[in-house]
C-alpha atoms as a PDB file:
ATOM      1  CA  UNK A   1     107.188 111.628-200.791  1.00  0.00           C
ATOM      2  CA  UNK A   2     103.675 112.661-201.788  1.00  0.00           C
ATOM      3  CA  UNK A   3     103.606 110.076-204.594  1.00  0.00           C
ATOM      4  CA  UNK A   4     104.087 107.033-202.341  1.00  0.00           C
ATOM      5  CA  UNK A   5     102.121 103.973-203.327  1.00  0.00           C
ATOM      6  CA  UNK A   6      99.907 102.263-200.758  1.00  0.00           C
ATOM      7  CA  UNK A   7      99.401  98.659-199.730  1.00  0.00           C
ATOM      8  CA  UNK A   8      96.510  98.248-202.171  1.00  0.00           C
ATOM      9  CA  UNK A   9      98.774  99.274-205.051  1.00  0.00           C
ATOM     10  CA  UNK A  10     101.399  96.723-203.969  1.00  0.00           C
ATOM     11  CA  UNK A  11      98.804  93.956-203.633  1.00  0.00           C
ATOM     12  CA  UNK A  12      97.492  94.707-207.119  1.00  0.00           C
ATOM     13  CA  UNK A  13     101.018  94.727-208.515  1.00  0.00           C
ATOM     14  CA  UNK A  14     101.830  91.413-206.810  1.00  0.00           C
ATOM     15  CA  UNK A  15      98.656  89.698-208.006  1.00  0.00           C
ATOM     16  CA  UNK A  16      99.461  90.769-211.565  1.00  0.00           C
ATOM     17  CA  UNK A  17     102.917  89.168-211.440  1.00  0.00           C
ATOM     18  CA  UNK A  18     102.266  86.132-209.230  1.00  0.00           C
ATOM     19  CA  UNK A  19     100.787  83.864-211.900  1.00  0.00           C
ATOM     20  CA  UNK A  20     103.816  84.364-214.151  1.00  0.00           C
ATOM     21  CA  UNK A  21     106.212  83.573-211.292  1.00  0.00           C
ATOM     22  CA  UNK A  22     104.292  80.377-210.500  1.00  0.00           C
ATOM     23  CA  UNK A  23     104.533  79.417-214.176  1.00  0.00           C
ATOM     24  CA  UNK A  24     108.303  79.910-214.042  1.00  0.00           C
ATOM     25  CA  UNK A  25     108.486  77.545-211.060  1.00  0.00           C
ATOM     26  CA  UNK A  26     106.483  75.004-213.091  1.00  0.00           C
ATOM     27  CA  UNK A  27     109.043  75.357-215.877  1.00  0.00           C
ATOM     28  CA  UNK A  28     111.883  74.791-213.424  1.00  0.00           C
ATOM     29  CA  UNK A  29     110.203  71.728-211.899  1.00  0.00           C
ATOM     30  CA  UNK A  30     109.307  70.408-215.388  1.00  0.00           C
ATOM     31  CA  UNK A  31     105.621  70.256-214.432  1.00  0.00           C
ATOM     32  CA  UNK A  32     104.149  72.519-217.116  1.00  0.00           C
ATOM     33  CA  UNK A  33     101.981  70.048-219.012  1.00  0.00           C
ATOM     34  CA  UNK A  34     101.486  70.659-222.725  1.00  0.00           C
ATOM     35  CA  UNK A  35      98.844  69.349-225.073  1.00  0.00           C
ATOM     36  CA  UNK A  36      99.973  66.727-227.576  1.00  0.00           C
ATOM     37  CA  UNK A  37      97.966  66.822-230.797  1.00  0.00           C
ATOM     38  CA  UNK A  38      99.122  63.271-231.681  1.00  0.00           C
ATOM     39  CA  UNK A  39     100.239  64.359-235.136  1.00  0.00           C
ATOM     40  CA  UNK A  40     103.667  62.738-235.115  1.00  0.00           C
ATOM     41  CA  UNK A  41     103.686  60.735-231.881  1.00  0.00           C
ATOM     42  CA  UNK A  42     103.749  56.977-232.512  1.00  0.00           C
ATOM     43  CA  UNK A  43     100.930  54.976-230.948  1.00  0.00           C
ATOM     44  CA  UNK A  44     103.214  53.258-228.397  1.00  0.00           C
ATOM     45  CA  UNK A  45     104.334  56.639-226.986  1.00  0.00           C
ATOM     46  CA  UNK A  46     100.923  58.274-226.657  1.00  0.00           C
ATOM     47  CA  UNK A  47     100.598  57.195-223.020  1.00  0.00           C
ATOM     48  CA  UNK A  48     103.526  59.454-222.062  1.00  0.00           C
ATOM     49  CA  UNK A  49     102.904  62.930-220.668  1.00  0.00           C
ATOM     50  CA  UNK A  50     104.615  65.901-222.252  1.00  0.00           C
ATOM     51  CA  UNK A  51     105.942  68.843-220.306  1.00  0.00           C
ATOM     52  CA  UNK A  52     107.602  72.041-221.327  1.00  0.00           C
ATOM     53  CA  UNK A  53     110.285  73.513-219.119  1.00  0.00           C
ATOM     54  CA  UNK A  54     113.844  74.448-218.475  1.00  0.00           C
ATOM     55  CA  UNK A  55     116.545  71.991-217.691  1.00  0.00           C
ATOM     56  CA  UNK A  56     116.792  72.137-213.906  1.00  0.00           C
ATOM     57  CA  UNK A  57     120.428  71.093-214.134  1.00  0.00           C
ATOM     58  CA  UNK A  58     121.255  74.200-216.160  1.00  0.00           C
ATOM     59  CA  UNK A  59     119.576  76.540-213.657  1.00  0.00           C
ATOM     60  CA  UNK A  60     121.217  74.720-210.743  1.00  0.00           C
ATOM     61  CA  UNK A  61     124.623  74.809-212.448  1.00  0.00           C
ATOM     62  CA  UNK A  62     124.349  78.554-212.940  1.00  0.00           C
ATOM     63  CA  UNK A  63     123.258  78.997-209.305  1.00  0.00           C
ATOM     64  CA  UNK A  64     126.242  76.933-208.124  1.00  0.00           C
ATOM     65  CA  UNK A  65     128.665  79.218-209.963  1.00  0.00           C
ATOM     66  CA  UNK A  66     127.510  82.322-208.083  1.00  0.00           C
ATOM     67  CA  UNK A  67     129.423  82.902-204.859  1.00  0.00           C
ATOM     68  CA  UNK A  68     128.638  85.517-202.237  1.00  0.00           C
ATOM     69  CA  UNK A  69     131.666  87.041-200.531  1.00  0.00           C
ATOM     70  CA  UNK A  70     130.500  89.945-198.399  1.00  0.00           C
ATOM     71  CA  UNK A  71     128.483  93.145-198.291  1.00  0.00           C
ATOM     72  CA  UNK A  72     130.587  96.133-199.291  1.00  0.00           C
ATOM     73  CA  UNK A  73     130.533  99.329-197.259  1.00  0.00           C
ATOM     74  CA  UNK A  74     128.734  97.480-194.481  1.00  0.00           C
ATOM     75  CA  UNK A  75     127.376 100.340-192.360  1.00  0.00           C
ATOM     76  CA  UNK A  76     124.704  98.188-190.715  1.00  0.00           C
ATOM     77  CA  UNK A  77     126.769  95.110-189.772  1.00  0.00           C
ATOM     78  CA  UNK A  78     124.990  92.991-192.384  1.00  0.00           C
ATOM     79  CA  UNK A  79     127.959  90.644-192.781  1.00  0.00           C
ATOM     80  CA  UNK A  80     127.643  89.598-189.141  1.00  0.00           C
ATOM     81  CA  UNK A  81     123.851  89.218-189.425  1.00  0.00           C
ATOM     82  CA  UNK A  82     124.328  87.160-192.584  1.00  0.00           C
ATOM     83  CA  UNK A  83     126.784  84.798-190.857  1.00  0.00           C
ATOM     84  CA  UNK A  84     124.399  84.323-187.913  1.00  0.00           C
ATOM     85  CA  UNK A  85     121.594  83.195-190.239  1.00  0.00           C
ATOM     86  CA  UNK A  86     122.739  79.929-191.815  1.00  0.00           C
ATOM     87  CA  UNK A  87     124.611  81.735-194.561  1.00  0.00           C
ATOM     88  CA  UNK A  88     125.297  78.741-196.819  1.00  0.00           C
ATOM     89  CA  UNK A  89     121.623  77.797-197.196  1.00  0.00           C
ATOM     90  CA  UNK A  90     120.336  81.376-197.218  1.00  0.00           C
ATOM     91  CA  UNK A  91     122.393  82.526-200.193  1.00  0.00           C
ATOM     92  CA  UNK A  92     121.751  79.364-202.220  1.00  0.00           C
ATOM     93  CA  UNK A  93     117.990  79.670-201.847  1.00  0.00           C
ATOM     94  CA  UNK A  94     118.099  83.405-202.607  1.00  0.00           C
ATOM     95  CA  UNK A  95     120.087  82.863-205.809  1.00  0.00           C
ATOM     96  CA  UNK A  96     117.870  80.018-206.990  1.00  0.00           C
ATOM     97  CA  UNK A  97     114.766  82.085-206.270  1.00  0.00           C
ATOM     98  CA  UNK A  98     116.205  85.075-208.142  1.00  0.00           C
ATOM     99  CA  UNK A  99     117.118  82.954-211.171  1.00  0.00           C
ATOM    100  CA  UNK A 100     113.690  81.346-211.388  1.00  0.00           C
ATOM    101  CA  UNK A 101     111.361  84.210-210.493  1.00  0.00           C
ATOM    102  CA  UNK A 102     113.631  87.057-211.701  1.00  0.00           C
ATOM    103  CA  UNK A 103     113.242  88.742-208.329  1.00  0.00           C
ATOM    104  CA  UNK A 104     114.122  87.933-204.744  1.00  0.00           C
ATOM    105  CA  UNK A 105     113.993  89.767-201.429  1.00  0.00           C
ATOM    106  CA  UNK A 106     115.933  89.293-198.211  1.00  0.00           C
ATOM    107  CA  UNK A 107     113.699  90.197-195.291  1.00  0.00           C
ATOM    108  CA  UNK A 108     115.191  91.151-191.924  1.00  0.00           C
ATOM    109  CA  UNK A 109     113.081  90.736-188.798  1.00  0.00           C
ATOM    110  CA  UNK A 110     113.756  89.995-185.126  1.00  0.00           C
ATOM    111  CA  UNK A 111     113.476  86.387-183.975  1.00  0.00           C
ATOM    112  CA  UNK A 112     112.056  85.216-180.628  1.00  0.00           C
ATOM    113  CA  UNK A 113     115.210  86.320-178.789  1.00  0.00           C
ATOM    114  CA  UNK A 114     115.431  89.693-180.520  1.00  0.00           C
ATOM    115  CA  UNK A 115     118.323  88.775-182.817  1.00  0.00           C
ATOM    116  CA  UNK A 116     118.020  89.722-186.491  1.00  0.00           C
ATOM    117  CA  UNK A 117     116.694  86.934-188.708  1.00  0.00           C
ATOM    118  CA  UNK A 118     117.045  86.883-192.508  1.00  0.00           C
ATOM    119  CA  UNK A 119     114.415  85.266-194.691  1.00  0.00           C
ATOM    120  CA  UNK A 120     114.290  84.756-198.449  1.00  0.00           C
ATOM    121  CA  UNK A 121     111.045  85.800-200.139  1.00  0.00           C
ATOM    122  CA  UNK A 122     110.651  85.109-203.852  1.00  0.00           C
ATOM    123  CA  UNK A 123     109.043  87.394-206.404  1.00  0.00           C
ATOM    124  CA  UNK A 124     105.732  85.529-206.215  1.00  0.00           C
ATOM    125  CA  UNK A 125     105.225  86.401-202.563  1.00  0.00           C
ATOM    126  CA  UNK A 126     106.516  89.972-202.299  1.00  0.00           C
ATOM    127  CA  UNK A 127     106.875  93.126-204.333  1.00  0.00           C
ATOM    128  CA  UNK A 128     108.032  96.662-203.799  1.00  0.00           C
ATOM    129  CA  UNK A 129     108.652 100.069-205.295  1.00  0.00           C
ATOM    130  CA  UNK A 130     112.223 101.215-205.836  1.00  0.00           C
ATOM    131  CA  UNK A 131     113.098 104.735-204.763  1.00  0.00           C
ATOM    132  CA  UNK A 132     115.311 106.216-207.507  1.00  0.00           C
ATOM    133  CA  UNK A 133     116.489 109.109-205.356  1.00  0.00           C
ATOM    134  CA  UNK A 134     120.102 108.905-204.150  1.00  0.00           C
ATOM    135  CA  UNK A 135     120.667 107.700-200.595  1.00  0.00           C
ATOM    136  CA  UNK A 136     121.484 110.338-198.022  1.00  0.00           C
END
């Protein structure tokens, strides 16, 4: 435990990855403008803007194929917490975020009434350090 990383380390790590995650969201939204050198573009099409990106339909189709069933070996009653937190929207946004930014976190915190609330945080807004030691 002596080699734990601090908050400053995590902030530095996040700032190094954030710009790439935002670029991936631009690709998904087809908003990554590219420069046209007008070498082969006919004159009548030069008023059009060019973008480089992924086909949003392909990413969405892949996200639609993924189905969450349940947490296995649920020692912390996560299945019940998941069902209490708008499960259909929560999983869809988590999968889409994971496909686009290559990383996604589910954050558990108490709401105003003290019940557990799940939130999806994408890889551009959170980071962490994985502990490779086996769980006790």
